[in-house]
Amino acid sequence: MDEENTTFQGATIDMDEAPVEQETPFDRLESRIDTLIEKYEQLVSVHSQCEEKMAGQEARIRELESKLGNSEQQRSEIRTRLDAMIDKLGRFS
């Protein structure tokens, strides 16, 4: 078989010695696209985790608001009963 040689500006390169795989612009583009896809998938995962955390926090807020409403109602009832007891005591003095 004949040996293949490439001549470029006076330099001869034996084709058997030439690097087989050189990164082309398409290879770089593909690599960057793959990196962007990986980052996007990570962001989707983080977003999902944030949504779950936020849903949990919203549920906790609703629970605390309910407890606060109950506490305020109890306080109002206690105040009414105390006022009634003070009135009863005031009648005896």
PDB file of N, CA and C in Angstrom:
ATOM      1  N   MET A   1       0.820  -1.170   0.000  1.00  0.00           N
ATOM      2  CA  MET A   1       0.000   0.000   0.000  1.00  0.00           C
ATOM      3  C   MET A   1       0.872   1.245   0.000  1.00  0.00           C
ATOM      4  N   ASP A   2       0.403   2.280  -0.655  1.00  0.00           N
ATOM      5  CA  ASP A   2       1.164   3.529  -0.679  1.00  0.00           C
ATOM      6  C   ASP A   2       0.964   4.270   0.628  1.00  0.00           C
ATOM      7  N   GLU A   3       2.029   4.887   1.094  1.00  0.00           N
ATOM      8  CA  GLU A   3       1.962   5.709   2.288  1.00  0.00           C
ATOM      9  C   GLU A   3       1.322   7.035   1.940  1.00  0.00           C
ATOM     10  N   GLU A   4       0.427   7.529   2.830  1.00  0.00           N
ATOM     11  CA  GLU A   4      -0.190   8.820   2.573  1.00  0.00           C
ATOM     12  C   GLU A   4       0.592   9.882   3.316  1.00  0.00           C
ATOM     13  N   ASN A   5       0.889  10.940   2.631  1.00  0.00           N
ATOM     14  CA  ASN A   5       1.587  12.067   3.219  1.00  0.00           C
ATOM     15  C   ASN A   5       0.821  13.335   2.895  1.00  0.00           C
ATOM     16  N   THR A   6       0.862  14.276   3.821  1.00  0.00           N
ATOM     17  CA  THR A   6       0.259  15.573   3.591  1.00  0.00           C
ATOM     18  C   THR A   6       1.345  16.617   3.753  1.00  0.00           C
ATOM     19  N   THR A   7       1.412  17.525   2.800  1.00  0.00           N
ATOM     20  CA  THR A   7       2.402  18.586   2.875  1.00  0.00           C
ATOM     21  C   THR A   7       1.668  19.894   3.127  1.00  0.00           C
ATOM     22  N   PHE A   8       2.163  20.628   4.128  1.00  0.00           N
ATOM     23  CA  PHE A   8       1.571  21.909   4.470  1.00  0.00           C
ATOM     24  C   PHE A   8       2.697  22.882   4.732  1.00  0.00           C
ATOM     25  N   GLN A   9       2.808  23.878   3.922  1.00  0.00           N
ATOM     26  CA  GLN A   9       3.842  24.913   4.008  1.00  0.00           C
ATOM     27  C   GLN A   9       5.216  24.300   4.254  1.00  0.00           C
ATOM     28  N   GLY A  10       5.573  23.353   3.461  1.00  0.00           N
ATOM     29  CA  GLY A  10       6.900  22.776   3.524  1.00  0.00           C
ATOM     30  C   GLY A  10       7.074  21.697   4.570  1.00  0.00           C
ATOM     31  N   ALA A  11       6.045  21.396   5.370  1.00  0.00           N
ATOM     32  CA  ALA A  11       6.162  20.351   6.384  1.00  0.00           C
ATOM     33  C   ALA A  11       5.404  19.138   5.896  1.00  0.00           C
ATOM     34  N   THR A  12       6.003  17.995   6.043  1.00  0.00           N
ATOM     35  CA  THR A  12       5.357  16.757   5.625  1.00  0.00           C
ATOM     36  C   THR A  12       4.918  16.002   6.859  1.00  0.00           C
ATOM     37  N   ILE A  13       3.631  15.613   6.874  1.00  0.00           N
ATOM     38  CA  ILE A  13       3.068  14.868   8.002  1.00  0.00           C
ATOM     39  C   ILE A  13       2.607  13.527   7.478  1.00  0.00           C
ATOM     40  N   ASP A  14       3.120  12.486   8.066  1.00  0.00           N
ATOM     41  CA  ASP A  14       2.677  11.146   7.718  1.00  0.00           C
ATOM     42  C   ASP A  14       1.262  10.988   8.265  1.00  0.00           C
ATOM     43  N   MET A  15       0.292  10.602   7.463  1.00  0.00           N
ATOM     44  CA  MET A  15      -1.106  10.508   7.874  1.00  0.00           C
ATOM     45  C   MET A  15      -1.307   9.492   8.982  1.00  0.00           C
ATOM     46  N   ASP A  16      -0.424   8.489   9.068  1.00  0.00           N
ATOM     47  CA  ASP A  16      -0.529   7.522  10.149  1.00  0.00           C
ATOM     48  C   ASP A  16      -0.189   8.157  11.485  1.00  0.00           C
ATOM     49  N   GLU A  17       0.608   9.213  11.483  1.00  0.00           N
ATOM     50  CA  GLU A  17       1.013   9.887  12.712  1.00  0.00           C
ATOM     51  C   GLU A  17       0.088  11.037  13.071  1.00  0.00           C
ATOM     52  N   ALA A  18      -0.757  11.464  12.161  1.00  0.00           N
ATOM     53  CA  ALA A  18      -1.655  12.591  12.415  1.00  0.00           C
ATOM     54  C   ALA A  18      -2.670  12.199  13.481  1.00  0.00           C
ATOM     55  N   PRO A  19      -3.047  13.156  14.358  1.00  0.00           N
ATOM     56  CA  PRO A  19      -4.055  12.854  15.375  1.00  0.00           C
ATOM     57  C   PRO A  19      -5.355  12.453  14.699  1.00  0.00           C
ATOM     58  N   VAL A  20      -5.912  11.348  15.172  1.00  0.00           N
ATOM     59  CA  VAL A  20      -7.110  10.807  14.557  1.00  0.00           C
ATOM     60  C   VAL A  20      -8.315  11.678  14.887  1.00  0.00           C
ATOM     61  N   GLU A  21      -8.435  12.064  16.163  1.00  0.00           N
ATOM     62  CA  GLU A  21      -9.593  12.843  16.571  1.00  0.00           C
ATOM     63  C   GLU A  21      -9.159  14.213  17.029  1.00  0.00           C
ATOM     64  N   GLN A  22      -9.554  15.209  16.278  1.00  0.00           N
ATOM     65  CA  GLN A  22      -9.347  16.579  16.692  1.00  0.00           C
ATOM     66  C   GLN A  22     -10.720  17.155  17.001  1.00  0.00           C
ATOM     67  N   GLU A  23     -10.782  17.988  18.019  1.00  0.00           N
ATOM     68  CA  GLU A  23     -12.066  18.564  18.398  1.00  0.00           C
ATOM     69  C   GLU A  23     -12.484  19.583  17.341  1.00  0.00           C
ATOM     70  N   THR A  24     -13.620  19.334  16.768  1.00  0.00           N
ATOM     71  CA  THR A  24     -14.151  20.236  15.755  1.00  0.00           C
ATOM     72  C   THR A  24     -15.090  21.233  16.422  1.00  0.00           C
ATOM     73  N   PRO A  25     -15.459  22.288  15.709  1.00  0.00           N
ATOM     74  CA  PRO A  25     -16.435  23.228  16.288  1.00  0.00           C
ATOM     75  C   PRO A  25     -17.743  22.530  16.664  1.00  0.00           C
ATOM     76  N   PHE A  26     -18.134  21.529  15.892  1.00  0.00           N
ATOM     77  CA  PHE A  26     -19.353  20.799  16.224  1.00  0.00           C
ATOM     78  C   PHE A  26     -19.185  19.985  17.511  1.00  0.00           C
ATOM     79  N   ASP A  27     -17.979  19.445  17.714  1.00  0.00           N
ATOM     80  CA  ASP A  27     -17.717  18.717  18.956  1.00  0.00           C
ATOM     81  C   ASP A  27     -17.820  19.667  20.149  1.00  0.00           C
ATOM     82  N   ARG A  28     -17.244  20.852  20.016  1.00  0.00           N
ATOM     83  CA  ARG A  28     -17.314  21.841  21.100  1.00  0.00           C
ATOM     84  C   ARG A  28     -18.763  22.260  21.344  1.00  0.00           C
ATOM     85  N   LEU A  29     -19.510  22.470  20.256  1.00  0.00           N
ATOM     86  CA  LEU A  29     -20.913  22.844  20.381  1.00  0.00           C
ATOM     87  C   LEU A  29     -21.704  21.745  21.083  1.00  0.00           C
ATOM     88  N   GLU A  30     -21.469  20.517  20.665  1.00  0.00           N
ATOM     89  CA  GLU A  30     -22.158  19.383  21.282  1.00  0.00           C
ATOM     90  C   GLU A  30     -21.817  19.282  22.766  1.00  0.00           C
ATOM     91  N   SER A  31     -20.558  19.493  23.097  1.00  0.00           N
ATOM     92  CA  SER A  31     -20.120  19.449  24.494  1.00  0.00           C
ATOM     93  C   SER A  31     -20.804  20.538  25.311  1.00  0.00           C
ATOM     94  N   ARG A  32     -20.893  21.721  24.753  1.00  0.00           N
ATOM     95  CA  ARG A  32     -21.541  22.829  25.469  1.00  0.00           C
ATOM     96  C   ARG A  32     -23.034  22.584  25.618  1.00  0.00           C
ATOM     97  N   ILE A  33     -23.651  22.033  24.588  1.00  0.00           N
ATOM     98  CA  ILE A  33     -25.074  21.706  24.679  1.00  0.00           C
ATOM     99  C   ILE A  33     -25.300  20.652  25.755  1.00  0.00           C
ATOM    100  N   ASP A  34     -24.439  19.637  25.795  1.00  0.00           N
ATOM    101  CA  ASP A  34     -24.557  18.607  26.841  1.00  0.00           C
ATOM    102  C   ASP A  34     -24.421  19.217  28.223  1.00  0.00           C
ATOM    103  N   THR A  35     -23.477  20.139  28.368  1.00  0.00           N
ATOM    104  CA  THR A  35     -23.283  20.815  29.656  1.00  0.00           C
ATOM    105  C   THR A  35     -24.517  21.627  30.028  1.00  0.00           C
ATOM    106  N   LEU A  36     -25.081  22.350  29.058  1.00  0.00           N
ATOM    107  CA  LEU A  36     -26.290  23.125  29.328  1.00  0.00           C
ATOM    108  C   LEU A  36     -27.459  22.230  29.722  1.00  0.00           C
ATOM    109  N   ILE A  37     -27.593  21.091  29.064  1.00  0.00           N
ATOM    110  CA  ILE A  37     -28.668  20.162  29.400  1.00  0.00           C
ATOM    111  C   ILE A  37     -28.489  19.636  30.816  1.00  0.00           C
ATOM    112  N   GLU A  38     -27.260  19.304  31.195  1.00  0.00           N
ATOM    113  CA  GLU A  38     -26.996  18.828  32.561  1.00  0.00           C
ATOM    114  C   GLU A  38     -27.351  19.903  33.577  1.00  0.00           C
ATOM    115  N   LYS A  39     -26.940  21.141  33.300  1.00  0.00           N
ATOM    116  CA  LYS A  39     -27.248  22.241  34.225  1.00  0.00           C
ATOM    117  C   LYS A  39     -28.749  22.470  34.301  1.00  0.00           C
ATOM    118  N   TYR A  40     -29.435  22.383  33.163  1.00  0.00           N
ATOM    119  CA  TYR A  40     -30.884  22.554  33.149  1.00  0.00           C
ATOM    120  C   TYR A  40     -31.558  21.481  34.003  1.00  0.00           C
ATOM    121  N   GLU A  41     -31.117  20.235  33.851  1.00  0.00           N
ATOM    122  CA  GLU A  41     -31.693  19.147  34.636  1.00  0.00           C
ATOM    123  C   GLU A  41     -31.445  19.357  36.130  1.00  0.00           C
ATOM    124  N   GLN A  42     -30.265  19.875  36.475  1.00  0.00           N
ATOM    125  CA  GLN A  42     -29.976  20.172  37.876  1.00  0.00           C
ATOM    126  C   GLN A  42     -30.914  21.262  38.383  1.00  0.00           C
ATOM    127  N   LEU A  43     -31.115  22.300  37.567  1.00  0.00           N
ATOM    128  CA  LEU A  43     -32.000  23.391  37.966  1.00  0.00           C
ATOM    129  C   LEU A  43     -33.440  22.916  38.117  1.00  0.00           C
ATOM    130  N   VAL A  44     -33.882  22.023  37.246  1.00  0.00           N
ATOM    131  CA  VAL A  44     -35.231  21.472  37.356  1.00  0.00           C
ATOM    132  C   VAL A  44     -35.366  20.716  38.668  1.00  0.00           C
ATOM    133  N   SER A  45     -34.339  19.956  39.020  1.00  0.00           N
ATOM    134  CA  SER A  45     -34.350  19.207  40.277  1.00  0.00           C
ATOM    135  C   SER A  45     -34.401  20.155  41.477  1.00  0.00           C
ATOM    136  N   VAL A  46     -33.564  21.180  41.453  1.00  0.00           N
ATOM    137  CA  VAL A  46     -33.542  22.154  42.550  1.00  0.00           C
ATOM    138  C   VAL A  46     -34.889  22.870  42.642  1.00  0.00           C
ATOM    139  N   HIS A  47     -35.454  23.217  41.488  1.00  0.00           N
ATOM    140  CA  HIS A  47     -36.752  23.892  41.463  1.00  0.00           C
ATOM    141  C   HIS A  47     -37.826  23.002  42.087  1.00  0.00           C
ATOM    142  N   SER A  48     -37.800  21.731  41.741  1.00  0.00           N
ATOM    143  CA  SER A  48     -38.762  20.780  42.292  1.00  0.00           C
ATOM    144  C   SER A  48     -38.621  20.693  43.812  1.00  0.00           C
ATOM    145  N   GLN A  49     -37.375  20.640  44.283  1.00  0.00           N
ATOM    146  CA  GLN A  49     -37.132  20.587  45.727  1.00  0.00           C
ATOM    147  C   GLN A  49     -37.641  21.858  46.405  1.00  0.00           C
ATOM    148  N   CYS A  50     -37.431  22.996  45.765  1.00  0.00           N
ATOM    149  CA  CYS A  50     -37.908  24.271  46.322  1.00  0.00           C
ATOM    150  C   CYS A  50     -39.438  24.294  46.388  1.00  0.00           C
ATOM    151  N   GLU A  51     -40.087  23.785  45.341  1.00  0.00           N
ATOM    152  CA  GLU A  51     -41.549  23.735  45.347  1.00  0.00           C
ATOM    153  C   GLU A  51     -42.057  22.871  46.491  1.00  0.00           C
ATOM    154  N   GLU A  52     -41.419  21.713  46.703  1.00  0.00           N
ATOM    155  CA  GLU A  52     -41.827  20.822  47.788  1.00  0.00           C
ATOM    156  C   GLU A  52     -41.629  21.501  49.141  1.00  0.00           C
ATOM    157  N   LYS A  53     -40.488  22.158  49.301  1.00  0.00           N
ATOM    158  CA  LYS A  53     -40.200  22.843  50.560  1.00  0.00           C
ATOM    159  C   LYS A  53     -41.205  23.964  50.792  1.00  0.00           C
ATOM    160  N   MET A  54     -41.508  24.720  49.744  1.00  0.00           N
ATOM    161  CA  MET A  54     -42.449  25.826  49.862  1.00  0.00           C
ATOM    162  C   MET A  54     -43.847  25.315  50.198  1.00  0.00           C
ATOM    163  N   ALA A  55     -44.248  24.206  49.585  1.00  0.00           N
ATOM    164  CA  ALA A  55     -45.555  23.624  49.890  1.00  0.00           C
ATOM    165  C   ALA A  55     -45.621  23.224  51.367  1.00  0.00           C
ATOM    166  N   GLY A  56     -44.545  22.648  51.870  1.00  0.00           N
ATOM    167  CA  GLY A  56     -44.489  22.289  53.285  1.00  0.00           C
ATOM    168  C   GLY A  56     -44.567  23.510  54.185  1.00  0.00           C
ATOM    169  N   GLN A  57     -43.872  24.568  53.798  1.00  0.00           N
ATOM    170  CA  GLN A  57     -43.899  25.793  54.593  1.00  0.00           C
ATOM    171  C   GLN A  57     -45.282  26.444  54.561  1.00  0.00           C
ATOM    172  N   GLU A  58     -45.932  26.400  53.395  1.00  0.00           N
ATOM    173  CA  GLU A  58     -47.289  26.962  53.310  1.00  0.00           C
ATOM    174  C   GLU A  58     -48.264  26.176  54.178  1.00  0.00           C
ATOM    175  N   ALA A  59     -48.118  24.859  54.206  1.00  0.00           N
ATOM    176  CA  ALA A  59     -48.969  24.039  55.066  1.00  0.00           C
ATOM    177  C   ALA A  59     -48.721  24.387  56.534  1.00  0.00           C
ATOM    178  N   ARG A  60     -47.456  24.570  56.873  1.00  0.00           N
ATOM    179  CA  ARG A  60     -47.103  24.945  58.261  1.00  0.00           C
ATOM    180  C   ARG A  60     -47.681  26.311  58.614  1.00  0.00           C
ATOM    181  N   ILE A  61     -47.626  27.248  57.676  1.00  0.00           N
ATOM    182  CA  ILE A  61     -48.187  28.584  57.913  1.00  0.00           C
ATOM    183  C   ILE A  61     -49.692  28.481  58.155  1.00  0.00           C
ATOM    184  N   ARG A  62     -50.396  27.689  57.322  1.00  0.00           N
ATOM    185  CA  ARG A  62     -51.844  27.523  57.522  1.00  0.00           C
ATOM    186  C   ARG A  62     -52.139  26.915  58.896  1.00  0.00           C
ATOM    187  N   GLU A  63     -51.326  25.942  59.294  1.00  0.00           N
ATOM    188  CA  GLU A  63     -51.502  25.311  60.605  1.00  0.00           C
ATOM    189  C   GLU A  63     -51.304  26.334  61.726  1.00  0.00           C
ATOM    190  N   LEU A  64     -50.254  27.135  61.621  1.00  0.00           N
ATOM    191  CA  LEU A  64     -49.978  28.142  62.650  1.00  0.00           C
ATOM    192  C   LEU A  64     -51.047  29.232  62.679  1.00  0.00           C
ATOM    193  N   GLU A  65     -51.536  29.622  61.495  1.00  0.00           N
ATOM    194  CA  GLU A  65     -52.608  30.620  61.451  1.00  0.00           C
ATOM    195  C   GLU A  65     -53.870  30.084  62.112  1.00  0.00           C
ATOM    196  N   SER A  66     -54.145  28.803  61.903  1.00  0.00           N
ATOM    197  CA  SER A  66     -55.310  28.178  62.532  1.00  0.00           C
ATOM    198  C   SER A  66     -55.147  28.160  64.050  1.00  0.00           C
ATOM    199  N   LYS A  67     -53.962  27.785  64.501  1.00  0.00           N
ATOM    200  CA  LYS A  67     -53.694  27.775  65.946  1.00  0.00           C
ATOM    201  C   LYS A  67     -53.810  29.178  66.531  1.00  0.00           C
ATOM    202  N   LEU A  68     -53.318  30.175  65.798  1.00  0.00           N
ATOM    203  CA  LEU A  68     -53.407  31.556  66.265  1.00  0.00           C
ATOM    204  C   LEU A  68     -54.868  31.984  66.374  1.00  0.00           C
ATOM    205  N   GLY A  69     -55.668  31.629  65.376  1.00  0.00           N
ATOM    206  CA  GLY A  69     -57.100  31.955  65.420  1.00  0.00           C
ATOM    207  C   GLY A  69     -57.769  31.303  66.615  1.00  0.00           C
ATOM    208  N   ASN A  70     -57.436  30.032  66.873  1.00  0.00           N
ATOM    209  CA  ASN A  70     -58.004  29.340  68.035  1.00  0.00           C
ATOM    210  C   ASN A  70     -57.571  29.999  69.332  1.00  0.00           C
ATOM    211  N   SER A  71     -56.309  30.382  69.410  1.00  0.00           N
ATOM    212  CA  SER A  71     -55.797  31.031  70.623  1.00  0.00           C
ATOM    213  C   SER A  71     -56.498  32.371  70.854  1.00  0.00           C
ATOM    214  N   GLU A  72     -56.697  33.121  69.786  1.00  0.00           N
ATOM    215  CA  GLU A  72     -57.378  34.419  69.922  1.00  0.00           C
ATOM    216  C   GLU A  72     -58.827  34.223  70.359  1.00  0.00           C
ATOM    217  N   GLN A  73     -59.475  33.190  69.835  1.00  0.00           N
ATOM    218  CA  GLN A  73     -60.857  32.902  70.237  1.00  0.00           C
ATOM    219  C   GLN A  73     -60.901  32.502  71.710  1.00  0.00           C
ATOM    220  N   GLN A  74     -59.973  31.646  72.144  1.00  0.00           N
ATOM    221  CA  GLN A  74     -59.922  31.244  73.551  1.00  0.00           C
ATOM    222  C   GLN A  74     -59.662  32.441  74.450  1.00  0.00           C
ATOM    223  N   ARG A  75     -58.747  33.314  74.025  1.00  0.00           N
ATOM    224  CA  ARG A  75     -58.433  34.501  74.815  1.00  0.00           C
ATOM    225  C   ARG A  75     -59.666  35.388  74.970  1.00  0.00           C
ATOM    226  N   SER A  76     -60.418  35.527  73.893  1.00  0.00           N
ATOM    227  CA  SER A  76     -61.632  36.336  73.938  1.00  0.00           C
ATOM    228  C   SER A  76     -62.664  35.719  74.884  1.00  0.00           C
ATOM    229  N   GLU A  77     -62.807  34.393  74.824  1.00  0.00           N
ATOM    230  CA  GLU A  77     -63.746  33.712  75.718  1.00  0.00           C
ATOM    231  C   GLU A  77     -63.308  33.850  77.169  1.00  0.00           C
ATOM    232  N   ILE A  78     -62.013  33.718  77.425  1.00  0.00           N
ATOM    233  CA  ILE A  78     -61.484  33.850  78.795  1.00  0.00           C
ATOM    234  C   ILE A  78     -61.715  35.261  79.307  1.00  0.00           C
ATOM    235  N   ARG A  79     -61.475  36.243  78.438  1.00  0.00           N
ATOM    236  CA  ARG A  79     -61.682  37.644  78.841  1.00  0.00           C
ATOM    237  C   ARG A  79     -63.144  37.877  79.203  1.00  0.00           C
ATOM    238  N   THR A  80     -64.051  37.324  78.419  1.00  0.00           N
ATOM    239  CA  THR A  80     -65.484  37.489  78.692  1.00  0.00           C
ATOM    240  C   THR A  80     -65.843  36.838  80.031  1.00  0.00           C
ATOM    241  N   ARG A  81     -65.334  35.636  80.275  1.00  0.00           N
ATOM    242  CA  ARG A  81     -65.633  34.957  81.533  1.00  0.00           C
ATOM    243  C   ARG A  81     -65.029  35.700  82.725  1.00  0.00           C
ATOM    244  N   LEU A  82     -63.789  36.213  82.567  1.00  0.00           N
ATOM    245  CA  LEU A  82     -63.165  36.978  83.653  1.00  0.00           C
ATOM    246  C   LEU A  82     -63.962  38.250  83.947  1.00  0.00           C
ATOM    247  N   ASP A  83     -64.401  38.929  82.886  1.00  0.00           N
ATOM    248  CA  ASP A  83     -65.217  40.139  83.087  1.00  0.00           C
ATOM    249  C   ASP A  83     -66.495  39.801  83.846  1.00  0.00           C
ATOM    250  N   ALA A  84     -67.098  38.657  83.515  1.00  0.00           N
ATOM    251  CA  ALA A  84     -68.310  38.245  84.203  1.00  0.00           C
ATOM    252  C   ALA A  84     -68.022  37.952  85.675  1.00  0.00           C
ATOM    253  N   MET A  85     -66.898  37.295  85.968  1.00  0.00           N
ATOM    254  CA  MET A  85     -66.532  36.995  87.365  1.00  0.00           C
ATOM    255  C   MET A  85     -66.231  38.286  88.125  1.00  0.00           C
ATOM    256  N   ILE A  86     -65.583  39.227  87.500  1.00  0.00           N
ATOM    257  CA  ILE A  86     -65.279  40.510  88.152  1.00  0.00           C
ATOM    258  C   ILE A  86     -66.568  41.250  88.449  1.00  0.00           C
ATOM    259  N   ASP A  87     -67.555  41.208  87.538  1.00  0.00           N
ATOM    260  CA  ASP A  87     -68.841  41.827  87.793  1.00  0.00           C
ATOM    261  C   ASP A  87     -69.532  41.191  88.994  1.00  0.00           C
ATOM    262  N   LYS A  88     -69.471  39.847  89.088  1.00  0.00           N
ATOM    263  CA  LYS A  88     -70.093  39.144  90.213  1.00  0.00           C
ATOM    264  C   LYS A  88     -69.437  39.577  91.515  1.00  0.00           C
ATOM    265  N   LEU A  89     -68.089  39.648  91.506  1.00  0.00           N
ATOM    266  CA  LEU A  89     -67.382  40.062  92.722  1.00  0.00           C
ATOM    267  C   LEU A  89     -67.701  41.507  93.074  1.00  0.00           C
ATOM    268  N   GLY A  90     -67.867  42.347  92.070  1.00  0.00           N
ATOM    269  CA  GLY A  90     -68.163  43.761  92.301  1.00  0.00           C
ATOM    270  C   GLY A  90     -69.514  43.968  92.945  1.00  0.00           C
ATOM    271  N   ARG A  91     -70.447  43.057  92.709  1.00  0.00           N
ATOM    272  CA  ARG A  91     -71.780  43.178  93.311  1.00  0.00           C
ATOM    273  C   ARG A  91     -71.750  42.889  94.798  1.00  0.00           C
ATOM    274  N   PHE A  92     -70.756  42.150  95.268  1.00  0.00           N
ATOM    275  CA  PHE A  92     -70.683  41.782  96.679  1.00  0.00           C
ATOM    276  C   PHE A  92     -69.851  42.756  97.508  1.00  0.00           C
ATOM    277  N   SER A  93     -69.259  43.734  96.893  1.00  0.00           N
ATOM    278  CA  SER A  93     -68.441  44.625  97.706  1.00  0.00           C
ATOM    279  C   SER A  93     -69.157  45.882  98.095  1.00  0.00           C
TER     280      SER A  93
END
